[in-house]
Amino acid sequence: MIRSQVHWLWRAVDQDGYVLDEILQRRRNTKAARRLLTRLLKKQGGRPRRMITDKLKSYGTAKRQVMPCVEHRSHKGLNNRAENSHLPLRKRERAMQRFRSPGGCLRFIPVLAAIRNLFVPTASLSNALSRHIHRIRALAQWNNATALSA
């Protein structure tokens, strides 16, 4: 809720949990789902093999319009990766005592997603040492990026 109006955060996440695209909408309908899918296709440049969503019927309708050849799975537990990607945003939103405006939310969300994508290790990193090395490299990249802007 932003200024006592319900807003929906639509987020596309890949198989490793990286945030690909996100939009903030006041409605949760086929038009909003179609907008997310077309933006995602333009950004990614290619069609995915499969699409996993929650049980909202608008996804199926939008998928048939935008990318009819893609396999669509809609089941209760399959979209946990996308739901879990919301957790850092929700935690930060509580710390900020909610967003004051949709514009402020739209400015904050891509920055948080980019930082999270940098620090989250891929699923292929199976042992603790490789995850630790990934985080050290990510921190070094972060330090280089912030030192250049300062």
C-alpha atoms as a PDB file:
ATOM      1  CA  MET A   1       0.000   0.000   0.000  1.00  0.00           C
ATOM      2  CA  ILE A   2       1.313   3.371  -1.017  1.00  0.00           C
ATOM      3  CA  ARG A   3      -0.702   6.356   0.138  1.00  0.00           C
ATOM      4  CA  SER A   4      -3.547   4.021   1.129  1.00  0.00           C
ATOM      5  CA  GLN A   5      -3.795   2.616  -2.419  1.00  0.00           C
ATOM      6  CA  VAL A   6      -2.980  -0.996  -3.225  1.00  0.00           C
ATOM      7  CA  HIS A   7      -0.068  -1.442  -5.652  1.00  0.00           C
ATOM      8  CA  TRP A   8       1.231  -4.718  -7.039  1.00  0.00           C
ATOM      9  CA  LEU A   9       4.887  -5.410  -7.682  1.00  0.00           C
ATOM     10  CA  TRP A  10       5.236  -7.658 -10.733  1.00  0.00           C
ATOM     11  CA  ARG A  11       8.612  -9.351 -10.798  1.00  0.00           C
ATOM     12  CA  ALA A  12      10.282 -11.729 -13.238  1.00  0.00           C
ATOM     13  CA  VAL A  13      12.996 -13.960 -11.787  1.00  0.00           C
ATOM     14  CA  ASP A  14      15.196 -16.510 -13.556  1.00  0.00           C
ATOM     15  CA  GLN A  15      16.039 -20.028 -12.388  1.00  0.00           C
ATOM     16  CA  ASP A  16      18.928 -18.782 -10.218  1.00  0.00           C
ATOM     17  CA  GLY A  17      16.831 -16.167  -8.421  1.00  0.00           C
ATOM     18  CA  TYR A  18      18.195 -13.153 -10.317  1.00  0.00           C
ATOM     19  CA  VAL A  19      15.656 -10.386 -10.837  1.00  0.00           C
ATOM     20  CA  LEU A  20      15.175  -9.849 -14.580  1.00  0.00           C
ATOM     21  CA  ASP A  21      12.498  -7.169 -14.612  1.00  0.00           C
ATOM     22  CA  GLU A  22       9.879  -5.618 -12.367  1.00  0.00           C
ATOM     23  CA  ILE A  23       7.049  -3.155 -12.652  1.00  0.00           C
ATOM     24  CA  LEU A  24       4.705  -1.541 -10.158  1.00  0.00           C
ATOM     25  CA  GLN A  25       1.017  -1.555 -11.129  1.00  0.00           C
ATOM     26  CA  ARG A  26      -2.195  -0.479  -9.458  1.00  0.00           C
ATOM     27  CA  ARG A  27      -4.066  -3.348 -11.060  1.00  0.00           C
ATOM     28  CA  ARG A  28      -3.509  -7.073 -11.192  1.00  0.00           C
ATOM     29  CA  ASN A  29      -5.100  -7.962 -14.503  1.00  0.00           C
ATOM     30  CA  THR A  30      -4.274  -9.268 -17.980  1.00  0.00           C
ATOM     31  CA  LYS A  31      -3.129  -5.870 -19.254  1.00  0.00           C
ATOM     32  CA  ALA A  32      -0.568  -5.550 -16.444  1.00  0.00           C
ATOM     33  CA  ALA A  33       0.644  -9.135 -16.966  1.00  0.00           C
ATOM     34  CA  ARG A  34       0.980  -8.532 -20.716  1.00  0.00           C
ATOM     35  CA  ARG A  35       2.994  -5.370 -20.035  1.00  0.00           C
ATOM     36  CA  LEU A  36       5.423  -7.293 -17.819  1.00  0.00           C
ATOM     37  CA  LEU A  37       5.841 -10.077 -20.392  1.00  0.00           C
ATOM     38  CA  THR A  38       6.449  -7.705 -23.318  1.00  0.00           C
ATOM     39  CA  ARG A  39       8.969  -5.657 -21.314  1.00  0.00           C
ATOM     40  CA  LEU A  40      10.702  -8.857 -20.294  1.00  0.00           C
ATOM     41  CA  LEU A  41      10.897 -10.127 -23.880  1.00  0.00           C
ATOM     42  CA  LYS A  42      12.334  -6.815 -25.091  1.00  0.00           C
ATOM     43  CA  LYS A  43      14.971  -6.785 -22.342  1.00  0.00           C
ATOM     44  CA  GLN A  44      15.982 -10.428 -22.655  1.00  0.00           C
ATOM     45  CA  GLY A  45      15.838 -10.647 -26.437  1.00  0.00           C
ATOM     46  CA  GLY A  46      14.679 -14.275 -26.453  1.00  0.00           C
ATOM     47  CA  ARG A  47      11.775 -16.366 -25.323  1.00  0.00           C
ATOM     48  CA  PRO A  48      12.086 -18.594 -22.256  1.00  0.00           C
ATOM     49  CA  ARG A  49      11.504 -22.332 -22.451  1.00  0.00           C
ATOM     50  CA  ARG A  50       9.008 -22.302 -19.601  1.00  0.00           C
ATOM     51  CA  MET A  51       7.203 -19.801 -17.434  1.00  0.00           C
ATOM     52  CA  ILE A  52       6.252 -20.498 -13.815  1.00  0.00           C
ATOM     53  CA  THR A  53       3.662 -18.268 -12.150  1.00  0.00           C
ATOM     54  CA  ASP A  54       1.215 -18.231  -9.300  1.00  0.00           C
ATOM     55  CA  LYS A  55      -2.381 -19.200  -9.973  1.00  0.00           C
ATOM     56  CA  LEU A  56      -3.536 -15.808 -11.258  1.00  0.00           C
ATOM     57  CA  LYS A  57      -5.515 -16.437 -14.468  1.00  0.00           C
ATOM     58  CA  SER A  58      -4.252 -13.216 -16.061  1.00  0.00           C
ATOM     59  CA  TYR A  59      -0.832 -14.785 -16.609  1.00  0.00           C
ATOM     60  CA  GLY A  60      -2.276 -17.510 -18.820  1.00  0.00           C
ATOM     61  CA  THR A  61      -4.249 -15.048 -20.927  1.00  0.00           C
ATOM     62  CA  ALA A  62      -1.290 -12.688 -21.317  1.00  0.00           C
ATOM     63  CA  LYS A  63       1.056 -15.571 -22.153  1.00  0.00           C
ATOM     64  CA  ARG A  64      -1.260 -16.791 -24.914  1.00  0.00           C
ATOM     65  CA  GLN A  65      -1.245 -13.291 -26.413  1.00  0.00           C
ATOM     66  CA  VAL A  66       2.485 -12.514 -26.083  1.00  0.00           C
ATOM     67  CA  MET A  67       4.298 -15.853 -26.249  1.00  0.00           C
ATOM     68  CA  PRO A  68       1.982 -18.755 -27.104  1.00  0.00           C
ATOM     69  CA  CYS A  69       4.747 -21.347 -27.666  1.00  0.00           C
ATOM     70  CA  VAL A  70       6.136 -21.144 -24.117  1.00  0.00           C
ATOM     71  CA  GLU A  71       5.243 -23.855 -21.611  1.00  0.00           C
ATOM     72  CA  HIS A  72       3.306 -22.381 -18.674  1.00  0.00           C
ATOM     73  CA  ARG A  73       3.285 -23.984 -15.238  1.00  0.00           C
ATOM     74  CA  SER A  74       1.055 -22.637 -12.521  1.00  0.00           C
ATOM     75  CA  HIS A  75       1.168 -24.434  -9.203  1.00  0.00           C
ATOM     76  CA  LYS A  76       1.129 -23.531  -5.534  1.00  0.00           C
ATOM     77  CA  GLY A  77       4.787 -24.211  -4.669  1.00  0.00           C
ATOM     78  CA  LEU A  78       6.553 -23.725  -7.992  1.00  0.00           C
ATOM     79  CA  ASN A  79       6.883 -19.952  -7.764  1.00  0.00           C
ATOM     80  CA  ASN A  80       8.678 -19.908  -4.402  1.00  0.00           C
ATOM     81  CA  ARG A  81      11.825 -18.474  -6.013  1.00  0.00           C
ATOM     82  CA  ALA A  82       9.900 -15.400  -7.170  1.00  0.00           C
ATOM     83  CA  GLU A  83       8.129 -15.029  -3.840  1.00  0.00           C
ATOM     84  CA  ASN A  84      11.396 -15.304  -1.925  1.00  0.00           C
ATOM     85  CA  SER A  85      12.936 -12.577  -4.068  1.00  0.00           C
ATOM     86  CA  HIS A  86      10.381 -10.182  -2.529  1.00  0.00           C
ATOM     87  CA  LEU A  87      11.688 -10.739   1.003  1.00  0.00           C
ATOM     88  CA  PRO A  88      14.639  -8.275   0.948  1.00  0.00           C
ATOM     89  CA  LEU A  89      12.339  -5.598  -0.484  1.00  0.00           C
ATOM     90  CA  ARG A  90       9.693  -6.221   2.163  1.00  0.00           C
ATOM     91  CA  LYS A  91      12.322  -6.092   4.904  1.00  0.00           C
ATOM     92  CA  ARG A  92      13.668  -2.788   3.604  1.00  0.00           C
ATOM     93  CA  GLU A  93      10.142  -1.410   3.158  1.00  0.00           C
ATOM     94  CA  ARG A  94       9.370  -2.112   6.818  1.00  0.00           C
ATOM     95  CA  ALA A  95      12.616  -0.401   7.875  1.00  0.00           C
ATOM     96  CA  MET A  96      11.698   2.644   5.785  1.00  0.00           C
ATOM     97  CA  GLN A  97       8.167   2.615   7.283  1.00  0.00           C
ATOM     98  CA  ARG A  98       6.595   2.038   3.865  1.00  0.00           C
ATOM     99  CA  PHE A  99       7.142   3.890   0.615  1.00  0.00           C
ATOM    100  CA  ARG A 100       5.802   7.437   0.493  1.00  0.00           C
ATOM    101  CA  SER A 101       5.047   7.514  -3.229  1.00  0.00           C
ATOM    102  CA  PRO A 102       4.977   5.186  -6.246  1.00  0.00           C
ATOM    103  CA  GLY A 103       7.813   7.211  -7.797  1.00  0.00           C
ATOM    104  CA  GLY A 104      10.029   6.672  -4.777  1.00  0.00           C
ATOM    105  CA  CYS A 105       9.277   2.974  -4.890  1.00  0.00           C
ATOM    106  CA  LEU A 106      10.078   2.836  -8.630  1.00  0.00           C
ATOM    107  CA  ARG A 107      13.417   4.562  -8.025  1.00  0.00           C
ATOM    108  CA  PHE A 108      14.355   2.270  -5.141  1.00  0.00           C
ATOM    109  CA  ILE A 109      13.353  -1.151  -6.532  1.00  0.00           C
ATOM    110  CA  PRO A 110      15.835  -1.384  -9.466  1.00  0.00           C
ATOM    111  CA  VAL A 111      18.740  -0.334  -7.254  1.00  0.00           C
ATOM    112  CA  LEU A 112      17.911  -2.961  -4.652  1.00  0.00           C
ATOM    113  CA  ALA A 113      17.509  -5.622  -7.368  1.00  0.00           C
ATOM    114  CA  ALA A 114      20.873  -4.764  -8.944  1.00  0.00           C
ATOM    115  CA  ILE A 115      22.670  -4.949  -5.605  1.00  0.00           C
ATOM    116  CA  ARG A 116      20.920  -8.191  -4.704  1.00  0.00           C
ATOM    117  CA  ASN A 117      21.756  -9.722  -8.100  1.00  0.00           C
ATOM    118  CA  LEU A 118      25.411  -8.885  -7.506  1.00  0.00           C
ATOM    119  CA  PHE A 119      25.624 -10.562  -4.108  1.00  0.00           C
ATOM    120  CA  VAL A 120      23.336 -13.595  -4.531  1.00  0.00           C
ATOM    121  CA  PRO A 121      25.338 -16.656  -5.620  1.00  0.00           C
ATOM    122  CA  THR A 122      24.041 -18.900  -8.405  1.00  0.00           C
ATOM    123  CA  ALA A 123      22.551 -22.294  -7.639  1.00  0.00           C
ATOM    124  CA  SER A 124      25.523 -23.973  -9.319  1.00  0.00           C
ATOM    125  CA  LEU A 125      27.812 -22.873  -6.465  1.00  0.00           C
ATOM    126  CA  SER A 126      27.281 -25.927  -4.330  1.00  0.00           C
ATOM    127  CA  ASN A 127      29.862 -25.658  -1.575  1.00  0.00           C
ATOM    128  CA  ALA A 128      30.544 -23.034   1.064  1.00  0.00           C
ATOM    129  CA  LEU A 129      33.996 -22.119  -0.249  1.00  0.00           C
ATOM    130  CA  SER A 130      32.749 -21.243  -3.732  1.00  0.00           C
ATOM    131  CA  ARG A 131      29.901 -19.163  -2.240  1.00  0.00           C
ATOM    132  CA  HIS A 132      32.405 -17.365  -0.003  1.00  0.00           C
ATOM    133  CA  ILE A 133      34.680 -16.596  -2.975  1.00  0.00           C
ATOM    134  CA  HIS A 134      31.662 -15.328  -4.928  1.00  0.00           C
ATOM    135  CA  ARG A 135      30.729 -12.947  -2.111  1.00  0.00           C
ATOM    136  CA  ILE A 136      34.330 -11.689  -1.796  1.00  0.00           C
ATOM    137  CA  ARG A 137      34.420 -10.948  -5.541  1.00  0.00           C
ATOM    138  CA  ALA A 138      31.014  -9.266  -5.365  1.00  0.00           C
ATOM    139  CA  LEU A 139      32.186  -7.082  -2.496  1.00  0.00           C
ATOM    140  CA  ALA A 140      35.314  -6.139  -4.467  1.00  0.00           C
ATOM    141  CA  GLN A 141      33.143  -5.173  -7.459  1.00  0.00           C
ATOM    142  CA  TRP A 142      30.887  -3.161  -5.140  1.00  0.00           C
ATOM    143  CA  ASN A 143      33.866  -1.364  -3.608  1.00  0.00           C
ATOM    144  CA  ASN A 144      35.235  -0.524  -7.071  1.00  0.00           C
ATOM    145  CA  ALA A 145      31.857   0.782  -8.231  1.00  0.00           C
ATOM    146  CA  THR A 146      31.286   2.929  -5.162  1.00  0.00           C
ATOM    147  CA  ALA A 147      34.861   4.252  -5.160  1.00  0.00           C
ATOM    148  CA  LEU A 148      34.472   5.383  -8.780  1.00  0.00           C
ATOM    149  CA  SER A 149      31.253   7.282  -8.061  1.00  0.00           C
ATOM    150  CA  ALA A 150      32.559   9.001  -4.915  1.00  0.00           C
END
